[in-house]
N, C-alpha and C. Protein backbone atom coordinates (compact mmCIF):
# COMPACT_ATOMS: atom_id res chain seq x y z
N MET A 1 -124.03 -173.93 90.47
CA MET A 1 -123.04 -174.36 89.50
C MET A 1 -123.28 -173.58 88.22
N SER A 2 -122.23 -173.01 87.68
CA SER A 2 -122.38 -172.20 86.48
C SER A 2 -121.19 -172.44 85.57
N ASP A 3 -121.45 -172.42 84.29
CA ASP A 3 -120.38 -172.66 83.33
C ASP A 3 -119.94 -171.35 82.69
N LEU A 4 -118.66 -171.27 82.36
CA LEU A 4 -118.13 -170.11 81.66
C LEU A 4 -118.02 -170.43 80.19
N PRO A 5 -118.01 -169.42 79.32
CA PRO A 5 -117.97 -169.66 77.89
C PRO A 5 -116.77 -170.51 77.45
N TRP A 6 -115.65 -170.44 78.16
CA TRP A 6 -114.46 -171.20 77.74
C TRP A 6 -114.37 -172.55 78.45
N GLY A 7 -115.43 -172.97 79.09
CA GLY A 7 -115.43 -174.26 79.77
C GLY A 7 -115.16 -174.10 81.24
N GLY A 8 -115.37 -175.17 81.96
CA GLY A 8 -115.12 -175.14 83.40
C GLY A 8 -116.41 -174.97 84.17
N THR A 9 -116.30 -175.20 85.49
CA THR A 9 -117.47 -175.22 86.35
C THR A 9 -117.16 -174.60 87.70
N PHE A 10 -118.09 -173.85 88.22
CA PHE A 10 -118.01 -173.36 89.60
C PHE A 10 -118.75 -174.35 90.48
N ARG A 11 -118.14 -174.71 91.61
CA ARG A 11 -118.82 -175.53 92.59
C ARG A 11 -118.05 -175.52 93.90
N LYS A 12 -118.73 -175.98 94.94
CA LYS A 12 -118.12 -176.10 96.24
C LYS A 12 -117.18 -177.30 96.24
N LEU A 13 -116.07 -177.19 96.93
CA LEU A 13 -115.20 -178.35 97.13
C LEU A 13 -115.61 -179.04 98.43
N TRP A 14 -115.40 -180.35 98.47
CA TRP A 14 -115.77 -181.15 99.63
C TRP A 14 -114.50 -181.58 100.36
N PRO A 15 -114.59 -181.92 101.63
CA PRO A 15 -113.39 -182.32 102.38
C PRO A 15 -112.58 -183.43 101.73
N SER A 16 -113.23 -184.28 100.96
CA SER A 16 -112.50 -185.36 100.26
C SER A 16 -111.65 -184.82 99.11
N GLU A 17 -111.80 -183.53 98.79
CA GLU A 17 -111.07 -182.93 97.67
C GLU A 17 -109.96 -181.98 98.13
N THR A 18 -109.48 -182.19 99.33
CA THR A 18 -108.41 -181.35 99.88
C THR A 18 -107.20 -181.32 98.95
N GLU A 19 -106.88 -182.45 98.33
CA GLU A 19 -105.71 -182.51 97.43
C GLU A 19 -105.88 -181.58 96.24
N LYS A 20 -107.09 -181.48 95.70
CA LYS A 20 -107.33 -180.58 94.56
C LYS A 20 -107.07 -179.14 94.98
N PHE A 21 -107.52 -178.77 96.17
CA PHE A 21 -107.31 -177.43 96.68
C PHE A 21 -105.81 -177.19 96.91
N ARG A 22 -105.15 -178.15 97.54
CA ARG A 22 -103.70 -178.03 97.79
C ARG A 22 -102.93 -177.87 96.48
N ASP A 23 -103.24 -178.70 95.50
CA ASP A 23 -102.52 -178.64 94.22
C ASP A 23 -102.72 -177.29 93.54
N HIS A 24 -103.92 -176.73 93.67
CA HIS A 24 -104.17 -175.39 93.11
C HIS A 24 -103.25 -174.37 93.78
N LEU A 25 -103.20 -174.38 95.10
CA LEU A 25 -102.36 -173.41 95.81
C LEU A 25 -100.89 -173.61 95.48
N LEU A 26 -100.46 -174.85 95.30
CA LEU A 26 -99.06 -175.11 94.95
C LEU A 26 -98.72 -174.61 93.55
N ARG A 27 -99.71 -174.56 92.65
CA ARG A 27 -99.47 -174.07 91.29
C ARG A 27 -99.40 -172.54 91.21
N LEU A 28 -99.81 -171.85 92.27
CA LEU A 28 -99.77 -170.38 92.22
C LEU A 28 -98.33 -169.91 92.04
N ASP A 29 -98.14 -168.97 91.12
CA ASP A 29 -96.80 -168.40 90.92
C ASP A 29 -96.46 -167.54 92.16
N PRO A 30 -95.18 -167.17 92.34
CA PRO A 30 -94.79 -166.42 93.55
C PRO A 30 -95.63 -165.15 93.79
N GLN A 31 -95.94 -164.41 92.75
CA GLN A 31 -96.73 -163.19 92.93
C GLN A 31 -98.15 -163.52 93.39
N SER A 32 -98.78 -164.54 92.80
CA SER A 32 -100.13 -164.93 93.19
C SER A 32 -100.15 -165.48 94.61
N ARG A 33 -99.12 -166.21 95.00
CA ARG A 33 -99.02 -166.69 96.38
C ARG A 33 -98.93 -165.51 97.34
N ARG A 34 -98.12 -164.53 96.99
CA ARG A 34 -97.96 -163.35 97.83
C ARG A 34 -99.28 -162.60 97.95
N MET A 35 -100.00 -162.47 96.85
CA MET A 35 -101.29 -161.78 96.90
C MET A 35 -102.30 -162.56 97.74
N ARG A 36 -102.26 -163.88 97.68
CA ARG A 36 -103.21 -164.70 98.45
C ARG A 36 -102.89 -164.69 99.94
N PHE A 37 -101.61 -164.85 100.31
CA PHE A 37 -101.25 -164.99 101.72
C PHE A 37 -100.63 -163.73 102.33
N ALA A 38 -100.48 -162.67 101.56
CA ALA A 38 -99.92 -161.38 102.00
C ALA A 38 -98.43 -161.44 102.30
N HIS A 39 -97.79 -162.55 101.93
CA HIS A 39 -96.33 -162.67 102.05
C HIS A 39 -95.92 -163.94 101.31
N ALA A 40 -94.64 -164.10 101.11
CA ALA A 40 -94.14 -165.30 100.42
C ALA A 40 -94.35 -166.51 101.33
N VAL A 41 -94.77 -167.62 100.75
CA VAL A 41 -94.98 -168.84 101.52
C VAL A 41 -94.34 -170.02 100.80
N SER A 42 -93.90 -170.99 101.57
CA SER A 42 -93.25 -172.18 101.03
C SER A 42 -94.28 -173.24 100.65
N ASP A 43 -93.81 -174.24 99.91
CA ASP A 43 -94.68 -175.38 99.58
C ASP A 43 -95.14 -176.08 100.86
N GLY A 44 -94.25 -176.19 101.84
CA GLY A 44 -94.61 -176.84 103.10
C GLY A 44 -95.72 -176.09 103.83
N PHE A 45 -95.65 -174.77 103.82
CA PHE A 45 -96.70 -173.96 104.42
C PHE A 45 -98.03 -174.25 103.74
N ILE A 46 -98.02 -174.27 102.41
CA ILE A 46 -99.26 -174.50 101.66
C ILE A 46 -99.81 -175.89 101.95
N GLU A 47 -98.95 -176.90 101.98
CA GLU A 47 -99.43 -178.26 102.27
C GLU A 47 -100.10 -178.32 103.64
N ASP A 48 -99.49 -177.67 104.64
CA ASP A 48 -100.08 -177.66 105.98
C ASP A 48 -101.39 -176.87 105.98
N TYR A 49 -101.39 -175.71 105.34
CA TYR A 49 -102.58 -174.88 105.28
C TYR A 49 -103.75 -175.64 104.65
N ALA A 50 -103.50 -176.24 103.50
CA ALA A 50 -104.56 -176.96 102.78
C ALA A 50 -105.07 -178.15 103.57
N SER A 51 -104.20 -178.82 104.31
CA SER A 51 -104.62 -180.01 105.05
C SER A 51 -105.60 -179.67 106.17
N HIS A 52 -105.65 -178.40 106.57
CA HIS A 52 -106.53 -177.99 107.67
C HIS A 52 -107.67 -177.08 107.24
N VAL A 53 -107.81 -176.83 105.95
CA VAL A 53 -108.79 -175.84 105.50
C VAL A 53 -110.22 -176.20 105.90
N PHE A 54 -110.55 -177.47 105.94
CA PHE A 54 -111.92 -177.86 106.26
C PHE A 54 -112.12 -178.19 107.74
N ASP A 55 -111.05 -178.13 108.53
CA ASP A 55 -111.14 -178.55 109.93
C ASP A 55 -112.19 -177.78 110.73
N ALA A 56 -112.29 -176.51 110.54
CA ALA A 56 -113.21 -175.69 111.35
C ALA A 56 -114.47 -175.33 110.57
N GLY A 57 -114.81 -176.10 109.56
CA GLY A 57 -116.05 -175.88 108.84
C GLY A 57 -116.00 -174.83 107.75
N SER A 58 -114.81 -174.46 107.31
CA SER A 58 -114.70 -173.48 106.23
C SER A 58 -115.36 -174.02 104.97
N ILE A 59 -115.79 -173.11 104.12
CA ILE A 59 -116.40 -173.44 102.84
C ILE A 59 -115.44 -172.99 101.75
N VAL A 60 -115.18 -173.86 100.80
CA VAL A 60 -114.31 -173.51 99.68
C VAL A 60 -115.11 -173.62 98.40
N GLN A 61 -115.30 -172.47 97.74
CA GLN A 61 -115.89 -172.42 96.42
C GLN A 61 -114.74 -172.47 95.43
N ALA A 62 -114.92 -173.13 94.31
CA ALA A 62 -113.82 -173.25 93.35
C ALA A 62 -114.32 -173.14 91.92
N TRP A 63 -113.37 -172.84 91.05
CA TRP A 63 -113.63 -172.94 89.62
C TRP A 63 -112.70 -174.03 89.11
N LEU A 64 -113.28 -175.05 88.49
CA LEU A 64 -112.54 -176.17 87.93
C LEU A 64 -112.57 -176.05 86.42
N ASP A 65 -111.42 -176.27 85.80
CA ASP A 65 -111.37 -176.19 84.34
C ASP A 65 -112.06 -177.41 83.73
N ALA A 66 -112.07 -177.50 82.42
CA ALA A 66 -112.77 -178.59 81.73
C ALA A 66 -112.22 -179.96 82.08
N ASP A 67 -110.97 -180.03 82.59
CA ASP A 67 -110.38 -181.30 83.00
C ASP A 67 -110.61 -181.60 84.47
N GLY A 68 -111.38 -180.77 85.16
CA GLY A 68 -111.67 -180.99 86.58
C GLY A 68 -110.56 -180.54 87.52
N ILE A 69 -109.66 -179.69 87.05
CA ILE A 69 -108.55 -179.20 87.86
C ILE A 69 -108.94 -177.85 88.45
N VAL A 70 -108.76 -177.69 89.77
CA VAL A 70 -109.08 -176.43 90.43
C VAL A 70 -108.07 -175.38 89.98
N ARG A 71 -108.58 -174.30 89.41
CA ARG A 71 -107.73 -173.20 88.94
C ARG A 71 -107.95 -171.92 89.72
N ALA A 72 -109.01 -171.88 90.53
CA ALA A 72 -109.31 -170.71 91.36
C ALA A 72 -110.14 -171.18 92.54
N ALA A 73 -109.95 -170.51 93.68
CA ALA A 73 -110.69 -170.90 94.88
C ALA A 73 -110.96 -169.68 95.75
N ALA A 74 -112.07 -169.74 96.45
CA ALA A 74 -112.44 -168.72 97.42
C ALA A 74 -112.86 -169.43 98.69
N GLU A 75 -112.29 -169.00 99.80
CA GLU A 75 -112.59 -169.63 101.09
C GLU A 75 -113.45 -168.70 101.93
N LEU A 76 -114.42 -169.28 102.62
CA LEU A 76 -115.23 -168.56 103.59
C LEU A 76 -114.95 -169.20 104.94
N LYS A 77 -114.41 -168.40 105.86
CA LYS A 77 -114.05 -168.90 107.18
C LYS A 77 -114.76 -168.07 108.24
N HIS A 78 -115.26 -168.74 109.28
CA HIS A 78 -115.85 -167.97 110.36
C HIS A 78 -114.72 -167.43 111.22
N ILE A 79 -115.01 -166.35 111.89
CA ILE A 79 -114.02 -165.69 112.74
C ILE A 79 -114.43 -165.88 114.19
N GLY A 80 -113.49 -166.32 114.99
CA GLY A 80 -113.71 -166.32 116.42
C GLY A 80 -114.01 -167.66 117.05
N ASP A 81 -114.92 -168.43 116.52
CA ASP A 81 -115.33 -169.67 117.17
C ASP A 81 -114.52 -170.84 116.63
N PRO A 82 -113.61 -171.42 117.45
CA PRO A 82 -112.81 -172.54 116.97
C PRO A 82 -113.62 -173.81 116.75
N ASN A 83 -114.86 -173.85 117.26
CA ASN A 83 -115.70 -175.04 117.09
C ASN A 83 -116.40 -175.06 115.75
N GLY A 84 -116.32 -173.98 115.01
CA GLY A 84 -116.87 -173.99 113.67
C GLY A 84 -118.26 -173.45 113.52
N SER A 85 -118.86 -172.87 114.56
CA SER A 85 -120.20 -172.33 114.37
C SER A 85 -120.10 -170.94 113.75
N TRP A 86 -121.07 -170.61 112.94
CA TRP A 86 -121.06 -169.33 112.23
C TRP A 86 -121.63 -168.26 113.12
N GLY A 87 -120.89 -167.17 113.21
CA GLY A 87 -121.33 -166.02 114.00
C GLY A 87 -121.60 -164.84 113.09
N ARG A 88 -121.48 -163.66 113.63
CA ARG A 88 -121.77 -162.44 112.87
C ARG A 88 -120.68 -162.11 111.86
N ASP A 89 -119.44 -162.55 112.11
CA ASP A 89 -118.31 -162.17 111.27
C ASP A 89 -117.69 -163.38 110.59
N ALA A 90 -117.25 -163.17 109.36
CA ALA A 90 -116.55 -164.20 108.60
C ALA A 90 -115.51 -163.53 107.72
N GLU A 91 -114.60 -164.33 107.21
CA GLU A 91 -113.52 -163.82 106.37
C GLU A 91 -113.53 -164.56 105.04
N ALA A 92 -113.19 -163.84 103.99
CA ALA A 92 -113.08 -164.44 102.67
C ALA A 92 -111.65 -164.29 102.16
N ALA A 93 -111.15 -165.30 101.45
CA ALA A 93 -109.82 -165.26 100.85
C ALA A 93 -109.91 -165.89 99.46
N PHE A 94 -109.13 -165.36 98.51
CA PHE A 94 -109.24 -165.75 97.12
C PHE A 94 -107.90 -166.07 96.51
N SER A 95 -107.90 -166.98 95.54
CA SER A 95 -106.69 -167.26 94.75
C SER A 95 -107.11 -167.69 93.36
N VAL A 96 -106.45 -167.12 92.36
CA VAL A 96 -106.70 -167.47 90.96
C VAL A 96 -105.34 -167.64 90.30
N GLU A 97 -105.12 -168.78 89.64
CA GLU A 97 -103.86 -169.00 88.95
C GLU A 97 -103.68 -167.95 87.86
N ALA A 98 -102.45 -167.53 87.64
CA ALA A 98 -102.14 -166.41 86.76
C ALA A 98 -102.77 -166.54 85.37
N ALA A 99 -102.73 -167.71 84.78
CA ALA A 99 -103.26 -167.90 83.42
C ALA A 99 -104.78 -167.75 83.35
N PHE A 100 -105.45 -167.72 84.50
CA PHE A 100 -106.92 -167.66 84.52
C PHE A 100 -107.44 -166.35 85.13
N GLN A 101 -106.54 -165.42 85.37
CA GLN A 101 -106.96 -164.13 85.92
C GLN A 101 -107.56 -163.25 84.83
N ASP A 102 -108.28 -162.25 85.24
CA ASP A 102 -108.92 -161.27 84.35
C ASP A 102 -109.97 -161.88 83.43
N ARG A 103 -110.66 -162.89 83.92
CA ARG A 103 -111.73 -163.54 83.14
C ARG A 103 -113.09 -163.48 83.84
N GLY A 104 -113.15 -162.81 84.99
CA GLY A 104 -114.40 -162.75 85.73
C GLY A 104 -114.58 -163.87 86.74
N ILE A 105 -113.58 -164.74 86.86
CA ILE A 105 -113.69 -165.87 87.79
C ILE A 105 -113.73 -165.38 89.23
N GLY A 106 -112.85 -164.45 89.60
CA GLY A 106 -112.83 -163.92 90.96
C GLY A 106 -114.14 -163.26 91.34
N ARG A 107 -114.73 -162.53 90.42
CA ARG A 107 -116.01 -161.87 90.67
C ARG A 107 -117.11 -162.90 90.94
N GLU A 108 -117.16 -163.96 90.13
CA GLU A 108 -118.16 -165.01 90.34
C GLU A 108 -117.94 -165.71 91.67
N LEU A 109 -116.68 -166.00 92.01
CA LEU A 109 -116.39 -166.64 93.30
C LEU A 109 -116.82 -165.75 94.46
N MET A 110 -116.58 -164.43 94.33
CA MET A 110 -116.98 -163.50 95.38
C MET A 110 -118.50 -163.57 95.59
N GLY A 111 -119.25 -163.59 94.51
CA GLY A 111 -120.71 -163.68 94.62
C GLY A 111 -121.14 -164.95 95.33
N ARG A 112 -120.47 -166.05 95.06
CA ARG A 112 -120.82 -167.32 95.70
C ARG A 112 -120.47 -167.31 97.18
N VAL A 113 -119.33 -166.71 97.51
CA VAL A 113 -118.93 -166.63 98.92
C VAL A 113 -119.91 -165.74 99.68
N ILE A 114 -120.32 -164.64 99.07
CA ILE A 114 -121.28 -163.75 99.72
C ILE A 114 -122.60 -164.49 99.94
N ARG A 115 -123.03 -165.25 98.96
CA ARG A 115 -124.27 -166.02 99.12
C ARG A 115 -124.14 -167.02 100.26
N SER A 116 -123.01 -167.72 100.36
CA SER A 116 -122.80 -168.67 101.45
C SER A 116 -122.80 -167.96 102.80
N ALA A 117 -122.17 -166.79 102.87
CA ALA A 117 -122.16 -166.01 104.11
C ALA A 117 -123.59 -165.57 104.46
N ARG A 118 -124.29 -165.11 103.47
CA ARG A 118 -125.67 -164.65 103.64
C ARG A 118 -126.55 -165.77 104.21
N ASN A 119 -126.40 -166.97 103.67
CA ASN A 119 -127.21 -168.10 104.10
C ASN A 119 -126.82 -168.63 105.48
N ARG A 120 -125.72 -168.13 106.03
CA ARG A 120 -125.30 -168.50 107.38
C ARG A 120 -125.46 -167.33 108.35
N SER A 121 -126.22 -166.34 107.93
CA SER A 121 -126.54 -165.16 108.73
C SER A 121 -125.31 -164.36 109.16
N VAL A 122 -124.28 -164.35 108.32
CA VAL A 122 -123.10 -163.54 108.58
C VAL A 122 -123.46 -162.07 108.33
N ALA A 123 -123.13 -161.22 109.29
CA ALA A 123 -123.46 -159.79 109.16
C ALA A 123 -122.33 -158.99 108.52
N HIS A 124 -121.09 -159.44 108.73
CA HIS A 124 -119.93 -158.73 108.16
C HIS A 124 -118.97 -159.76 107.57
N LEU A 125 -118.74 -159.62 106.29
CA LEU A 125 -117.78 -160.48 105.58
C LEU A 125 -116.55 -159.64 105.29
N TYR A 126 -115.43 -160.03 105.88
CA TYR A 126 -114.19 -159.27 105.72
C TYR A 126 -113.27 -159.96 104.74
N MET A 127 -112.56 -159.17 103.98
CA MET A 127 -111.48 -159.68 103.15
C MET A 127 -110.35 -158.68 103.25
N SER A 128 -109.14 -159.18 103.34
CA SER A 128 -108.00 -158.28 103.38
C SER A 128 -107.05 -158.65 102.25
N CYS A 129 -106.39 -157.64 101.73
CA CYS A 129 -105.43 -157.86 100.66
C CYS A 129 -104.34 -156.81 100.76
N LEU A 130 -103.25 -157.06 100.09
CA LEU A 130 -102.18 -156.09 100.05
C LEU A 130 -102.67 -154.82 99.36
N SER A 131 -102.09 -153.69 99.73
CA SER A 131 -102.56 -152.41 99.18
C SER A 131 -102.35 -152.32 97.67
N ASN A 132 -101.44 -153.13 97.11
CA ASN A 132 -101.22 -153.09 95.66
C ASN A 132 -102.03 -154.15 94.90
N ASN A 133 -102.92 -154.85 95.59
CA ASN A 133 -103.77 -155.85 94.94
C ASN A 133 -105.03 -155.15 94.41
N GLN A 134 -104.85 -154.43 93.31
CA GLN A 134 -105.94 -153.66 92.72
C GLN A 134 -107.08 -154.53 92.21
N LYS A 135 -106.75 -155.72 91.73
CA LYS A 135 -107.80 -156.61 91.19
C LYS A 135 -108.79 -157.01 92.28
N MET A 136 -108.25 -157.40 93.45
CA MET A 136 -109.12 -157.82 94.55
C MET A 136 -109.94 -156.65 95.07
N GLN A 137 -109.34 -155.49 95.12
CA GLN A 137 -110.07 -154.30 95.58
C GLN A 137 -111.20 -153.95 94.61
N ALA A 138 -110.95 -154.09 93.32
CA ALA A 138 -111.99 -153.80 92.32
C ALA A 138 -113.15 -154.78 92.47
N ILE A 139 -112.85 -156.04 92.70
CA ILE A 139 -113.92 -157.03 92.88
C ILE A 139 -114.72 -156.69 94.13
N ALA A 140 -114.03 -156.35 95.22
CA ALA A 140 -114.73 -156.01 96.46
C ALA A 140 -115.63 -154.78 96.26
N ARG A 141 -115.13 -153.77 95.56
CA ARG A 141 -115.93 -152.57 95.29
C ARG A 141 -117.18 -152.93 94.48
N ASN A 142 -117.03 -153.89 93.56
CA ASN A 142 -118.15 -154.32 92.74
C ASN A 142 -119.30 -154.84 93.60
N PHE A 143 -118.98 -155.32 94.82
CA PHE A 143 -119.98 -155.84 95.74
C PHE A 143 -120.22 -154.87 96.91
N ASP A 144 -119.94 -153.59 96.66
CA ASP A 144 -120.21 -152.52 97.63
C ASP A 144 -119.46 -152.67 98.95
N ALA A 145 -118.25 -153.19 98.88
CA ALA A 145 -117.45 -153.31 100.09
C ALA A 145 -116.98 -151.94 100.55
N GLU A 146 -116.96 -151.77 101.84
CA GLU A 146 -116.35 -150.57 102.42
C GLU A 146 -114.88 -150.91 102.62
N LEU A 147 -113.99 -150.17 101.94
CA LEU A 147 -112.55 -150.45 102.00
C LEU A 147 -111.87 -149.45 102.92
N ARG A 148 -110.95 -149.97 103.73
CA ARG A 148 -110.13 -149.09 104.57
C ARG A 148 -108.70 -149.62 104.59
N TYR A 149 -107.76 -148.72 104.72
CA TYR A 149 -106.34 -149.07 104.72
C TYR A 149 -105.85 -149.23 106.15
N GLU A 150 -105.18 -150.36 106.39
CA GLU A 150 -104.64 -150.66 107.72
C GLU A 150 -103.28 -151.30 107.57
N TYR A 151 -102.24 -150.61 108.01
CA TYR A 151 -100.89 -151.17 108.08
C TYR A 151 -100.43 -151.81 106.77
N GLY A 152 -100.60 -151.13 105.67
CA GLY A 152 -100.13 -151.62 104.38
C GLY A 152 -101.06 -152.59 103.70
N GLU A 153 -102.20 -152.88 104.31
CA GLU A 153 -103.19 -153.75 103.72
C GLU A 153 -104.50 -152.99 103.54
N VAL A 154 -105.35 -153.54 102.71
CA VAL A 154 -106.69 -153.00 102.54
C VAL A 154 -107.65 -154.04 103.10
N VAL A 155 -108.55 -153.58 103.96
CA VAL A 155 -109.56 -154.46 104.54
C VAL A 155 -110.90 -154.04 103.99
N GLY A 156 -111.61 -155.00 103.43
CA GLY A 156 -112.94 -154.75 102.89
C GLY A 156 -113.99 -155.35 103.79
N ASP A 157 -115.07 -154.65 103.99
CA ASP A 157 -116.20 -155.13 104.80
C ASP A 157 -117.42 -155.13 103.90
N ILE A 158 -117.98 -156.31 103.70
CA ILE A 158 -119.19 -156.48 102.91
C ILE A 158 -120.31 -156.90 103.85
N VAL A 159 -121.45 -156.27 103.74
CA VAL A 159 -122.60 -156.61 104.56
C VAL A 159 -123.59 -157.36 103.67
N PRO A 160 -123.61 -158.70 103.81
CA PRO A 160 -124.53 -159.48 102.96
C PRO A 160 -126.00 -159.22 103.32
N ASP A 161 -126.86 -159.34 102.34
CA ASP A 161 -128.30 -159.27 102.59
C ASP A 161 -128.70 -160.46 103.45
N SER A 162 -129.89 -160.40 104.01
CA SER A 162 -130.42 -161.54 104.76
C SER A 162 -130.75 -162.66 103.78
N SER A 163 -130.66 -163.88 104.26
CA SER A 163 -131.00 -165.02 103.39
C SER A 163 -132.48 -165.01 103.11
N ASN A 164 -132.85 -165.65 102.02
CA ASN A 164 -134.25 -165.83 101.70
C ASN A 164 -134.39 -167.19 101.01
N TYR A 165 -135.60 -167.53 100.68
CA TYR A 165 -135.86 -168.82 100.05
C TYR A 165 -135.01 -169.03 98.81
N PHE A 166 -134.88 -167.99 97.98
CA PHE A 166 -134.17 -168.12 96.72
C PHE A 166 -132.67 -168.33 96.92
N SER A 167 -132.06 -167.60 97.88
CA SER A 167 -130.63 -167.79 98.12
C SER A 167 -130.35 -169.16 98.72
N LEU A 168 -131.21 -169.61 99.62
CA LEU A 168 -131.04 -170.94 100.21
C LEU A 168 -131.23 -172.03 99.16
N PHE A 169 -132.26 -171.89 98.34
CA PHE A 169 -132.54 -172.87 97.29
C PHE A 169 -131.39 -172.94 96.28
N ALA A 170 -130.88 -171.77 95.87
CA ALA A 170 -129.79 -171.74 94.89
C ALA A 170 -128.55 -172.44 95.42
N GLU A 171 -128.21 -172.19 96.68
CA GLU A 171 -127.03 -172.87 97.24
C GLU A 171 -127.27 -174.37 97.37
N GLU A 172 -128.45 -174.74 97.80
CA GLU A 172 -128.78 -176.17 97.94
C GLU A 172 -128.68 -176.89 96.59
N MET A 173 -129.21 -176.30 95.56
CA MET A 173 -129.15 -176.92 94.23
C MET A 173 -127.70 -177.01 93.74
N ASP A 174 -126.94 -175.93 93.91
CA ASP A 174 -125.52 -175.97 93.53
C ASP A 174 -124.79 -177.06 94.29
N ASP A 175 -125.09 -177.20 95.58
CA ASP A 175 -124.42 -178.22 96.39
C ASP A 175 -124.76 -179.63 95.90
N ARG A 176 -126.00 -179.87 95.59
CA ARG A 176 -126.41 -181.21 95.13
C ARG A 176 -125.72 -181.57 93.81
N ILE A 177 -125.73 -180.64 92.89
CA ILE A 177 -125.09 -180.90 91.60
C ILE A 177 -123.58 -181.01 91.77
N GLY A 178 -123.01 -180.13 92.60
CA GLY A 178 -121.57 -180.16 92.85
C GLY A 178 -121.13 -181.46 93.50
N LEU A 179 -121.92 -181.96 94.45
CA LEU A 179 -121.57 -183.23 95.09
C LEU A 179 -121.62 -184.37 94.08
N MET A 180 -122.62 -184.37 93.23
CA MET A 180 -122.71 -185.40 92.20
C MET A 180 -121.48 -185.34 91.28
N MET A 181 -121.07 -184.13 90.90
CA MET A 181 -119.90 -183.99 90.03
C MET A 181 -118.63 -184.44 90.75
N ALA A 182 -118.53 -184.17 92.05
CA ALA A 182 -117.36 -184.60 92.82
C ALA A 182 -117.29 -186.13 92.88
N VAL A 183 -118.44 -186.77 93.03
CA VAL A 183 -118.47 -188.24 93.06
C VAL A 183 -118.04 -188.80 91.71
N PHE A 184 -118.55 -188.25 90.63
CA PHE A 184 -118.14 -188.71 89.29
C PHE A 184 -116.65 -188.50 89.07
N ASP A 185 -116.14 -187.36 89.52
CA ASP A 185 -114.72 -187.07 89.38
C ASP A 185 -113.87 -188.07 90.16
N LEU A 186 -114.29 -188.37 91.39
CA LEU A 186 -113.56 -189.34 92.21
C LEU A 186 -113.56 -190.72 91.54
N ARG A 187 -114.70 -191.10 91.00
CA ARG A 187 -114.80 -192.38 90.31
C ARG A 187 -113.86 -192.42 89.10
N ASN A 188 -113.83 -191.33 88.33
CA ASN A 188 -112.96 -191.28 87.16
C ASN A 188 -111.49 -191.32 87.55
N ARG A 189 -111.13 -190.63 88.65
CA ARG A 189 -109.72 -190.66 89.11
C ARG A 189 -109.32 -192.05 89.56
N ARG A 190 -110.24 -192.75 90.21
CA ARG A 190 -109.94 -194.12 90.65
C ARG A 190 -109.78 -195.07 89.46
N ARG A 191 -110.62 -194.89 88.45
CA ARG A 191 -110.49 -195.72 87.24
C ARG A 191 -109.16 -195.46 86.53
N ALA A 192 -108.79 -194.19 86.46
CA ALA A 192 -107.52 -193.83 85.80
C ALA A 192 -106.31 -194.39 86.54
N ALA A 193 -106.43 -194.47 87.88
CA ALA A 193 -105.32 -194.98 88.69
C ALA A 193 -105.22 -196.50 88.65
N ALA A 194 -106.32 -197.17 88.29
CA ALA A 194 -106.34 -198.65 88.29
C ALA A 194 -105.62 -199.23 87.09
């Protein structure tokens, strides 16, 4: 968990917070939606997508603003095994609301996703984006991704380091603090609704 100078917190989202993730995706402007999903998508598509994001064990790292609203998210999904076990390959996907872009949030989320992949012994972390998504390509290059062009998209391959005590400990501590913050947030939302 890390704070930015203008407020807000990075942490993992939990399955009980699917609505926060969905609401973030619904707030994306048309261009940001297109950059995230590689084509225009409807609200219905997003609602269905968000409702299943945790089904196969995906990990969602997020940046929440000072009010606890998700403004950016990065998903780590395993590739191939529908049962949810982590193999050699995984995929990363990112979304940042327009008003919060160009602040380093995507770069921090990428680092967290790489750490999560590393701690699950992922050998190749792939991310794909449209060929005109220069911001995502720059972030991937910052993490030594090998970029290649395929059918109008750019596919990045990042090879995470092996996990070690420090990477495992850092994720565990972030998870403990993040879970505590999620519980407090849930309690506050229930009080506000009462």
